[in-house]
Amino acid sequence: MIVMTAGIQNRGSDPVARATVAYQTYGIIVHVITFSNDADQVKAAAIAAAGSGLHYHAASGSALIAVFEELARTLPTMLTR
C-alpha cells in the first residue's frame, strides 16, 4: 500500500497501530510518501516502519515523480490474464 499524505494527522486512530495491523495481520506492506513542508516526517517514518515499508518525502513535483519511479522499480510485478 502507498499512503500519500500531507503528514499532519488531524483525526482518526493511531496510524502506527493501523500500519502494524495491516502488516502483521494481512501482510500488507505500507509505504508512506509525505509532501508538505510541515509534514511530521518522524511519525511518517514510524508508520512506514510499522508496516515494513519505506518513508519518502517529496518536496517537489519532480521529487514525487522520482519516488514513484523508485517504487515502481522495487515493487513486485504480477501478471494476470
C-alpha atoms as a PDB file:
ATOM      1  CA  MET A   1       0.000   0.000   0.000  1.00  0.00           C
ATOM      2  CA  ILE A   2       1.236   3.502  -0.754  1.00  0.00           C
ATOM      3  CA  VAL A   3      -0.071   6.233   1.526  1.00  0.00           C
ATOM      4  CA  MET A   4       0.318   9.795   0.245  1.00  0.00           C
ATOM      5  CA  THR A   5      -0.196  12.370   2.938  1.00  0.00           C
ATOM      6  CA  ALA A   6       0.448  15.957   3.905  1.00  0.00           C
ATOM      7  CA  GLY A   7       1.865  14.305   7.018  1.00  0.00           C
ATOM      8  CA  ILE A   8      -0.289  16.069   9.567  1.00  0.00           C
ATOM      9  CA  GLN A   9      -2.701  13.827  11.454  1.00  0.00           C
ATOM     10  CA  ASN A  10      -5.821  15.712  12.463  1.00  0.00           C
ATOM     11  CA  ARG A  11      -8.226  12.893  13.353  1.00  0.00           C
ATOM     12  CA  GLY A  12      -8.724   9.155  13.402  1.00  0.00           C
ATOM     13  CA  SER A  13      -6.985   6.312  15.142  1.00  0.00           C
ATOM     14  CA  ASP A  14      -3.244   5.825  15.600  1.00  0.00           C
ATOM     15  CA  PRO A  15      -1.749   5.305  12.132  1.00  0.00           C
ATOM     16  CA  VAL A  16       1.269   3.427  13.533  1.00  0.00           C
ATOM     17  CA  ALA A  17      -1.062   0.885  15.136  1.00  0.00           C
ATOM     18  CA  ARG A  18      -3.087   0.630  11.917  1.00  0.00           C
ATOM     19  CA  ALA A  19       0.036   0.014   9.828  1.00  0.00           C
ATOM     20  CA  THR A  20       1.149  -2.638  12.322  1.00  0.00           C
ATOM     21  CA  VAL A  21      -2.181  -4.456  11.988  1.00  0.00           C
ATOM     22  CA  ALA A  22      -2.124  -4.158   8.187  1.00  0.00           C
ATOM     23  CA  TYR A  23       1.301  -5.755   8.011  1.00  0.00           C
ATOM     24  CA  GLN A  24       1.095  -8.328  10.800  1.00  0.00           C
ATOM     25  CA  THR A  25      -2.452  -9.477  10.133  1.00  0.00           C
ATOM     26  CA  TYR A  26      -2.782  -9.147   6.374  1.00  0.00           C
ATOM     27  CA  GLY A  27       0.803  -8.962   5.101  1.00  0.00           C
ATOM     28  CA  ILE A  28       0.186  -5.513   3.614  1.00  0.00           C
ATOM     29  CA  ILE A  29       3.396  -3.508   3.292  1.00  0.00           C
ATOM     30  CA  VAL A  30       2.784   0.177   3.959  1.00  0.00           C
ATOM     31  CA  HIS A  31       4.952   2.783   2.217  1.00  0.00           C
ATOM     32  CA  VAL A  32       4.396   6.434   3.150  1.00  0.00           C
ATOM     33  CA  ILE A  33       5.016   9.480   0.960  1.00  0.00           C
ATOM     34  CA  THR A  34       4.837  12.901   2.595  1.00  0.00           C
ATOM     35  CA  PHE A  35       4.811  16.063   0.533  1.00  0.00           C
ATOM     36  CA  SER A  36       4.127  19.014   2.835  1.00  0.00           C
ATOM     37  CA  ASN A  37       6.895  21.143   4.329  1.00  0.00           C
ATOM     38  CA  ASP A  38       5.036  20.805   7.643  1.00  0.00           C
ATOM     39  CA  ALA A  39       4.871  17.006   7.445  1.00  0.00           C
ATOM     40  CA  ASP A  40       5.723  15.072  10.581  1.00  0.00           C
ATOM     41  CA  GLN A  41       8.403  13.005   8.893  1.00  0.00           C
ATOM     42  CA  VAL A  42       9.377  11.231  12.113  1.00  0.00           C
ATOM     43  CA  LYS A  43       5.810   9.951  12.517  1.00  0.00           C
ATOM     44  CA  ALA A  44       5.594   9.078   8.811  1.00  0.00           C
ATOM     45  CA  ALA A  45       8.796   7.044   9.094  1.00  0.00           C
ATOM     46  CA  ALA A  46       7.364   5.258  12.147  1.00  0.00           C
ATOM     47  CA  ILE A  47       4.192   4.408  10.206  1.00  0.00           C
ATOM     48  CA  ALA A  48       6.221   3.031   7.306  1.00  0.00           C
ATOM     49  CA  ALA A  49       8.472   1.031   9.661  1.00  0.00           C
ATOM     50  CA  ALA A  50       5.430  -0.430  11.439  1.00  0.00           C
ATOM     51  CA  GLY A  51       4.138  -1.527   8.046  1.00  0.00           C
ATOM     52  CA  SER A  52       7.551  -2.897   6.998  1.00  0.00           C
ATOM     53  CA  GLY A  53       7.697  -0.233   4.294  1.00  0.00           C
ATOM     54  CA  LEU A  54       9.689   2.867   3.485  1.00  0.00           C
ATOM     55  CA  HIS A  55       9.077   6.555   4.028  1.00  0.00           C
ATOM     56  CA  TYR A  56       9.790   9.080   1.299  1.00  0.00           C
ATOM     57  CA  HIS A  57       9.458  12.843   1.406  1.00  0.00           C
ATOM     58  CA  ALA A  58       8.744  14.577  -1.879  1.00  0.00           C
ATOM     59  CA  ALA A  59       9.392  18.297  -1.532  1.00  0.00           C
ATOM     60  CA  SER A  60       8.556  18.974  -5.193  1.00  0.00           C
ATOM     61  CA  GLY A  61       6.703  17.531  -8.144  1.00  0.00           C
ATOM     62  CA  SER A  62       9.902  16.186  -9.662  1.00  0.00           C
ATOM     63  CA  ALA A  63      10.805  14.563  -6.339  1.00  0.00           C
ATOM     64  CA  LEU A  64       7.385  12.891  -6.268  1.00  0.00           C
ATOM     65  CA  ILE A  65       7.944  11.509  -9.754  1.00  0.00           C
ATOM     66  CA  ALA A  66      11.326  10.147  -8.630  1.00  0.00           C
ATOM     67  CA  VAL A  67       9.694   8.462  -5.616  1.00  0.00           C
ATOM     68  CA  PHE A  68       7.110   6.740  -7.791  1.00  0.00           C
ATOM     69  CA  GLU A  69       9.789   5.663 -10.260  1.00  0.00           C
ATOM     70  CA  GLU A  70      11.825   4.143  -7.431  1.00  0.00           C
ATOM     71  CA  LEU A  71       8.795   2.365  -6.021  1.00  0.00           C
ATOM     72  CA  ALA A  72       7.896   1.045  -9.464  1.00  0.00           C
ATOM     73  CA  ARG A  73      11.385  -0.441  -9.794  1.00  0.00           C
ATOM     74  CA  THR A  74      11.297  -2.128  -6.391  1.00  0.00           C
ATOM     75  CA  LEU A  75       7.731  -3.408  -6.052  1.00  0.00           C
ATOM     76  CA  PRO A  76       6.943  -6.920  -7.259  1.00  0.00           C
ATOM     77  CA  THR A  77       5.055  -7.291 -10.513  1.00  0.00           C
ATOM     78  CA  MET A  78       2.113  -9.629 -11.007  1.00  0.00           C
ATOM     79  CA  LEU A  79       0.997 -10.573 -14.489  1.00  0.00           C
ATOM     80  CA  THR A  80      -2.611 -11.612 -14.934  1.00  0.00           C
ATOM     81  CA  ARG A  81      -4.551 -12.851 -17.847  1.00  0.00           C
END
